[in-house]
Protein backbone atom coordinates (compact mmCIF):
# COMPACT_ATOMS: atom_id res chain seq x y z
CA MET A 1 -29.60 -51.81 26.46
CA SER A 2 -29.41 -51.77 22.79
CA GLU A 3 -28.93 -47.82 21.04
CA ILE A 4 -32.53 -46.87 20.54
CA GLU A 5 -33.14 -45.05 17.35
CA THR A 6 -34.11 -41.45 17.71
CA ARG A 7 -37.47 -42.27 16.08
CA LEU A 8 -38.64 -44.13 18.89
CA PHE A 9 -37.68 -40.82 21.31
CA HIS A 10 -39.65 -39.26 18.91
CA TYR A 11 -43.11 -41.91 18.80
CA PHE A 12 -42.70 -41.84 22.94
CA VAL A 13 -42.69 -37.98 22.98
CA VAL A 14 -45.37 -37.27 20.77
CA THR A 15 -47.97 -39.83 22.62
CA CYS A 16 -47.86 -38.57 25.85
CA GLU A 17 -47.90 -34.81 24.29
CA GLU A 18 -51.24 -36.22 22.76
CA GLU A 19 -52.04 -38.35 25.57
CA ASN A 20 -53.77 -40.96 23.21
CA PHE A 21 -52.80 -42.86 20.51
CA ALA A 22 -54.98 -42.04 17.89
CA ARG A 23 -53.61 -38.50 17.88
CA ALA A 24 -50.75 -39.46 18.63
CA ALA A 25 -50.55 -41.78 15.39
CA GLU A 26 -52.01 -39.23 13.20
CA ARG A 27 -49.87 -36.29 14.11
CA LEU A 28 -46.90 -39.04 13.39
CA GLY A 29 -48.28 -39.73 10.08
CA ILE A 30 -48.47 -43.49 11.02
CA THR A 31 -51.86 -45.58 11.67
CA PRO A 32 -52.23 -46.88 15.46
CA PRO A 33 -51.27 -50.35 15.22
CA THR A 34 -47.90 -49.24 13.86
CA LEU A 35 -47.19 -46.54 16.55
CA THR A 36 -48.37 -49.53 19.80
CA HIS A 37 -45.88 -51.83 18.15
CA GLN A 38 -43.20 -48.55 18.43
CA ILE A 39 -43.89 -48.26 22.32
CA LYS A 40 -44.05 -51.85 22.67
CA LYS A 41 -40.26 -51.92 21.10
CA LEU A 42 -39.58 -49.32 22.72
CA GLU A 43 -40.79 -50.59 26.10
CA ALA A 44 -38.45 -53.43 25.04
CA GLN A 45 -35.33 -52.15 24.49
CA VAL A 46 -35.68 -49.98 27.65
CA GLY A 47 -36.71 -53.09 29.68
CA THR A 48 -39.66 -52.00 31.34
CA LEU A 49 -43.36 -50.17 31.09
CA LEU A 50 -42.80 -46.95 30.34
CA LEU A 51 -47.10 -47.09 29.57
CA ILE A 52 -50.35 -48.74 30.61
CA ARG A 53 -53.42 -48.81 28.65
CA SER A 54 -55.99 -48.19 29.79
CA GLY A 55 -58.71 -48.08 27.16
CA LYS A 56 -58.09 -48.23 22.88
CA THR A 57 -56.50 -45.16 22.73
CA LYS A 58 -55.97 -43.72 26.46
CA PHE A 59 -53.19 -44.83 28.65
CA LYS A 60 -51.61 -43.76 32.05
CA ILE A 61 -47.50 -42.88 31.96
CA THR A 62 -45.08 -45.01 34.54
CA GLU A 63 -42.92 -43.42 36.89
CA ALA A 64 -40.11 -45.00 34.49
CA GLY A 65 -42.15 -43.48 31.54
CA ARG A 66 -42.20 -40.24 32.94
CA ARG A 67 -38.46 -40.73 33.86
CA PHE A 68 -37.80 -41.45 29.89
CA LEU A 69 -40.04 -38.45 29.14
CA GLU A 70 -37.54 -36.48 29.98
CA GLY A 71 -34.47 -38.01 28.86
CA ALA A 72 -36.41 -38.73 25.58
CA ARG A 73 -36.49 -34.80 25.41
CA GLY A 74 -33.01 -33.80 25.81
CA VAL A 75 -32.18 -36.17 23.23
CA LEU A 76 -34.56 -35.06 20.74
CA HIS A 77 -33.31 -31.45 21.40
CA HIS A 78 -29.60 -32.45 21.57
CA ALA A 79 -29.79 -34.56 17.89
CA GLN A 80 -31.53 -31.05 16.52
CA GLU A 81 -29.59 -28.90 17.51
CA THR A 82 -26.32 -31.31 16.08
CA GLU A 83 -27.93 -31.37 13.12
CA LYS A 84 -28.61 -27.13 13.15
CA ALA A 85 -24.71 -27.72 13.49
CA ALA A 86 -24.01 -29.39 10.80
CA GLN A 87 -26.19 -27.84 8.37
CA ARG A 88 -24.36 -24.22 9.38
CA ALA A 89 -21.04 -25.91 9.05
CA ALA A 90 -21.81 -27.00 5.20
CA ARG A 91 -23.15 -23.29 5.12
CA GLY A 92 -19.19 -21.81 6.03
CA GLU A 93 -21.59 -20.29 9.61
CA ILE A 94 -19.52 -21.61 11.52
CA GLY A 95 -16.33 -23.51 11.65
CA THR A 96 -12.28 -22.37 11.93
CA VAL A 97 -10.58 -20.31 9.65
CA GLU A 98 -6.33 -20.40 9.85
CA LEU A 99 -5.04 -17.45 8.12
CA GLY A 100 -1.63 -16.51 7.18
CA TYR A 101 -0.32 -13.10 6.79
CA THR A 102 2.85 -11.69 5.77
CA PHE A 103 5.01 -9.07 8.56
CA PRO A 104 3.38 -5.85 5.80
CA ILE A 105 0.16 -6.55 5.48
CA ILE A 106 -0.61 -5.34 9.26
CA TYR A 107 0.03 -1.76 7.64
CA THR A 108 -2.23 -2.28 4.49
CA GLY A 109 -5.68 -2.00 6.32
CA LEU A 110 -6.16 -5.52 4.76
CA ILE A 111 -7.00 -7.50 7.79
CA HIS A 112 -9.59 -4.28 8.77
CA ARG A 113 -11.43 -4.50 5.66
CA LEU A 114 -11.78 -7.88 4.58
CA ILE A 115 -11.21 -10.17 8.41
CA GLY A 116 -13.69 -7.36 9.06
CA LEU A 117 -16.10 -7.71 6.46
CA PHE A 118 -16.00 -11.35 7.41
CA ARG A 119 -16.68 -11.57 10.84
CA LEU A 120 -20.03 -8.84 10.62
CA ARG A 121 -21.56 -11.73 7.90
CA GLN A 122 -19.95 -15.00 9.78
CA PRO A 123 -19.43 -14.23 13.32
CA ALA A 124 -19.66 -17.57 15.03
CA VAL A 125 -16.58 -18.65 12.54
CA ASP A 126 -12.55 -18.54 14.58
CA VAL A 127 -10.73 -16.72 13.34
CA ARG A 128 -6.88 -17.76 14.20
CA MET A 129 -4.19 -15.72 12.44
CA ARG A 130 -0.31 -16.66 12.68
CA GLU A 131 2.30 -14.22 10.86
CA VAL A 132 4.66 -16.22 8.28
CA SER A 133 6.83 -15.31 5.38
CA THR A 134 4.43 -15.82 1.54
CA LEU A 135 7.21 -19.21 0.81
CA ALA A 136 5.62 -20.75 4.45
CA LEU A 137 2.35 -19.33 3.75
CA ILE A 138 2.19 -21.80 0.21
CA GLU A 139 3.56 -24.30 1.80
CA SER A 140 1.52 -24.19 5.09
CA ILE A 141 -1.61 -23.99 2.50
CA LEU A 142 -0.37 -26.88 0.72
CA SER A 143 0.42 -28.85 3.71
CA LYS A 144 -3.76 -27.63 5.02
CA ARG A 145 -2.05 -26.49 8.54
CA LEU A 146 -3.45 -22.80 6.88
CA ASP A 147 -6.32 -22.34 4.96
CA ALA A 148 -5.42 -19.43 3.63
CA GLY A 149 -3.69 -16.47 3.64
CA PHE A 150 -2.48 -12.70 2.56
CA ALA A 151 0.90 -12.34 1.07
CA ARG A 152 3.33 -10.68 -1.66
CA SER A 153 2.06 -12.12 -5.67
CA PRO A 154 4.98 -15.00 -6.26
CA ASP A 155 5.77 -15.13 -9.58
CA HIS A 156 4.07 -18.34 -9.76
CA TYR A 157 1.98 -20.79 -7.74
CA PRO A 158 2.58 -23.79 -6.95
CA LEU A 159 -0.04 -26.96 -8.51
CA GLY A 160 -2.79 -26.58 -5.12
CA VAL A 161 -2.28 -22.98 -4.96
CA LYS A 162 -4.74 -20.02 -6.38
CA GLY A 163 -3.87 -16.03 -5.28
CA PHE A 164 -5.56 -13.14 -6.67
CA PRO A 165 -4.78 -9.60 -5.96
CA VAL A 166 -5.87 -7.62 -3.39
CA TYR A 167 -3.28 -4.61 -2.67
CA LYS A 168 -1.22 -3.32 -4.74
CA THR A 169 1.39 -0.17 -4.19
CA LYS A 170 5.07 0.96 -4.57
CA VAL A 171 8.48 0.23 -3.92
CA VAL A 172 10.38 2.84 -1.99
CA LEU A 173 13.44 2.94 -1.05
CA ALA A 174 14.55 2.78 3.12
CA LEU A 175 17.96 4.65 3.76
CA PRO A 176 20.02 5.05 7.25
CA ALA A 177 19.28 8.21 8.91
CA ASP A 178 22.46 10.12 7.97
CA HIS A 179 22.76 8.78 4.59
CA ARG A 180 23.80 11.89 1.96
CA LEU A 181 20.62 11.19 0.11
CA ALA A 182 17.70 10.62 3.32
CA ARG A 183 18.48 14.29 4.19
CA ARG A 184 17.40 15.71 0.44
CA ALA A 185 14.02 16.76 -0.25
CA GLY A 186 12.09 14.92 -2.52
CA ALA A 187 12.53 11.68 -4.67
CA ILE A 188 15.48 9.98 -5.36
CA SER A 189 16.87 8.85 -9.17
CA PRO A 190 17.33 4.93 -9.68
CA THR A 191 20.48 6.81 -11.41
CA GLU A 192 21.93 7.69 -7.99
CA LEU A 193 22.35 4.73 -6.32
CA ALA A 194 24.91 3.07 -8.82
CA ASN A 195 27.07 2.86 -6.07
CA GLU A 196 24.91 1.74 -3.01
CA ARG A 197 25.49 -0.77 -1.23
CA PHE A 198 22.28 -2.44 -1.05
CA ILE A 199 20.77 -5.06 1.41
CA SER A 200 18.69 -7.80 -0.04
CA THR A 201 16.28 -10.43 0.58
CA SER A 202 17.23 -13.76 0.80
CA VAL A 203 18.37 -15.71 -2.63
CA SER A 204 15.51 -18.30 -2.01
CA TYR A 205 13.30 -15.26 -1.92
CA ASP A 206 14.07 -13.47 -4.56
CA LEU A 207 14.38 -16.74 -6.40
CA ALA A 208 10.49 -16.55 -5.60
CA PHE A 209 10.10 -13.43 -6.33
CA LYS A 210 10.81 -9.98 -8.38
CA PRO A 211 13.93 -8.61 -7.26
CA HIS A 212 13.21 -4.93 -5.62
CA ALA A 213 17.08 -4.62 -5.57
CA ALA A 214 17.63 -5.69 -9.40
CA SER A 215 14.26 -4.17 -10.72
CA ILE A 216 15.70 -0.38 -9.50
CA ALA A 217 19.41 -0.84 -10.77
CA LYS A 218 17.84 -1.88 -14.33
CA LEU A 219 15.84 1.42 -14.00
CA GLY A 220 19.76 3.05 -13.00
CA ARG A 221 20.67 0.80 -15.80
CA PHE A 222 23.82 -0.55 -13.01
CA ASN A 223 24.87 -3.65 -11.06
CA PRO A 224 23.45 -3.60 -7.54
CA LYS A 225 26.11 -4.32 -4.91
CA ILE A 226 24.17 -6.81 -2.05
CA SER A 227 26.31 -6.21 1.56
CA LYS A 228 23.73 -8.27 3.12
CA ARG A 229 21.08 -10.60 2.48
CA ALA A 230 17.87 -11.34 5.32
CA ASP A 231 14.82 -14.20 4.98
CA ASP A 232 11.94 -11.46 6.16
CA LEU A 233 11.81 -6.96 5.25
CA ALA A 234 11.63 -6.48 8.81
CA THR A 235 15.10 -8.22 8.98
CA VAL A 236 15.97 -6.07 5.67
CA LEU A 237 14.87 -2.92 7.72
CA ALA A 238 17.39 -3.61 10.99
CA TYR A 239 20.77 -4.18 8.64
CA VAL A 240 19.28 -0.48 7.09
CA SER A 241 18.89 0.87 10.55
CA ALA A 242 22.64 -1.00 11.68
CA GLY A 243 24.12 1.43 8.81
CA TYR A 244 24.66 -1.97 6.34
CA GLY A 245 23.34 -0.41 3.44
CA ILE A 246 19.79 0.94 1.64
CA ALA A 247 17.03 -1.38 0.73
CA PRO A 248 14.42 -1.17 -2.02
CA ILE A 249 10.88 -1.85 0.50
CA THR A 250 7.05 -1.99 -0.29
CA ALA A 251 5.15 1.13 0.83
CA PRO A 252 3.77 -0.41 3.69
CA MET A 253 6.56 -0.93 5.75
CA ALA A 254 7.41 2.93 6.14
CA GLU A 255 4.07 2.74 8.87
CA SER A 256 6.41 0.30 10.86
CA LYS A 257 8.66 3.63 11.97
CA PRO A 258 11.54 2.22 12.73
CA PRO A 259 14.30 3.99 14.20
CA ASN A 260 17.12 5.77 12.13
CA VAL A 261 15.36 4.70 9.27
CA VAL A 262 14.24 7.20 6.36
CA PHE A 263 12.07 6.82 3.63
CA LYS A 264 12.27 7.87 0.52
CA PRO A 265 10.28 7.87 -2.50
CA LEU A 266 11.76 7.02 -6.17
CA ALA A 267 11.89 9.53 -9.13
CA GLU A 268 10.55 7.21 -11.69
CA ARG A 269 7.44 7.02 -13.98
CA VAL A 270 7.52 3.43 -13.70
CA THR A 271 8.30 2.82 -10.48
CA PRO A 272 8.65 -0.70 -9.06
CA GLN A 273 5.10 -1.87 -8.08
CA VAL A 274 4.00 -5.02 -5.76
CA ASP A 275 0.99 -6.85 -6.09
CA TYR A 276 -0.23 -7.94 -2.27
CA VAL A 277 -2.71 -10.99 -3.11
CA PHE A 278 -5.18 -13.97 -0.92
CA MET A 279 -4.15 -17.43 -1.62
CA HIS A 280 -5.83 -20.40 -0.82
CA ARG A 281 -6.49 -24.29 -1.36
CA SER A 282 -7.43 -24.80 -5.08
CA ASN A 283 -10.23 -26.76 -4.32
CA GLU A 284 -11.18 -25.99 -0.06
CA SER A 285 -13.52 -28.38 1.20
CA ASN A 286 -13.07 -26.45 4.57
CA PRO A 287 -16.95 -24.21 4.29
CA ALA A 288 -15.64 -21.78 6.33
CA ALA A 289 -12.58 -21.01 4.37
CA ARG A 290 -14.40 -20.94 1.44
CA ALA A 291 -17.00 -18.30 2.90
CA LEU A 292 -13.73 -15.94 3.27
CA ILE A 293 -12.58 -16.78 0.00
CA GLU A 294 -16.16 -15.73 -1.46
CA ILE A 295 -15.59 -11.91 0.79
CA ALA A 296 -11.91 -11.78 -0.70
CA LEU A 297 -13.27 -12.37 -4.16
CA ALA A 298 -15.52 -9.66 -4.01
CA GLN A 299 -12.52 -7.45 -2.58
CA ARG A 300 -10.36 -8.56 -5.52
CA LEU A 301 -8.14 -5.90 -7.48
CA LYS A 302 -9.97 -5.14 -10.96
CA HIS A 303 -6.28 -3.68 -12.53
CA ALA A 304 -3.56 -5.60 -11.61
CA ASN A 305 -0.09 -5.86 -12.27
């Protein structure tokens, strides 16, 4: 059997509902002869009589017609639901958003605030979250493995990626619990850190961001001694906990409360600060992702570095 146009299913259902060719034709906005021709075309495609005419406009439905009517209604309902689903997807009301985030983000409240608001507005969109490094987030957005994400602000964005600040925080100092400065009350001046061993992020990480250790060393007017490097901030804190040295780190990481680590503020009027940003593709084609971007844009910081 050849494929039947949805229009013919509609004509047949309306005809059966009206139980009269003239009334059905009027409802459909066509002439009775045209409707008759379309029903005959449908019967030819099905290969059997569906309606038996009993006058100029009246008819009786055959047993095959009754069975076909049930299926036709199902086809039309499915087509309508499919059309509605496509329209909802185009408006970003349904679909999937693949979202990345760097570890410190979970302590900032950003996920709760922005994703919570997004879920209220677009409850049918499935948000899938994955922890990644900032550099991996940029790469994943470019390769379309992720739609967007939260991360520390890089020094620059590559072509095809955009971002805007959504959270600002200060840099604090992480020290082993038995460190001489950990037991002292109050903030710590960068000038007191000239002889300390620093734990820093990897060279590739530092090339993409403003290195915290270098920023503090500049304030204290010394060259930092780097004893260990790590690919992520969680490992930096692990080294601090193990007593390998101290580390400048973003304030939200203090909420992770690792054992044997004490966090201290820096006694400096111009304490290094970090912007966390929402990144996304420059030309986003996913309507659901665009809806999330719009919500994040409404929450962007007005005055950021």
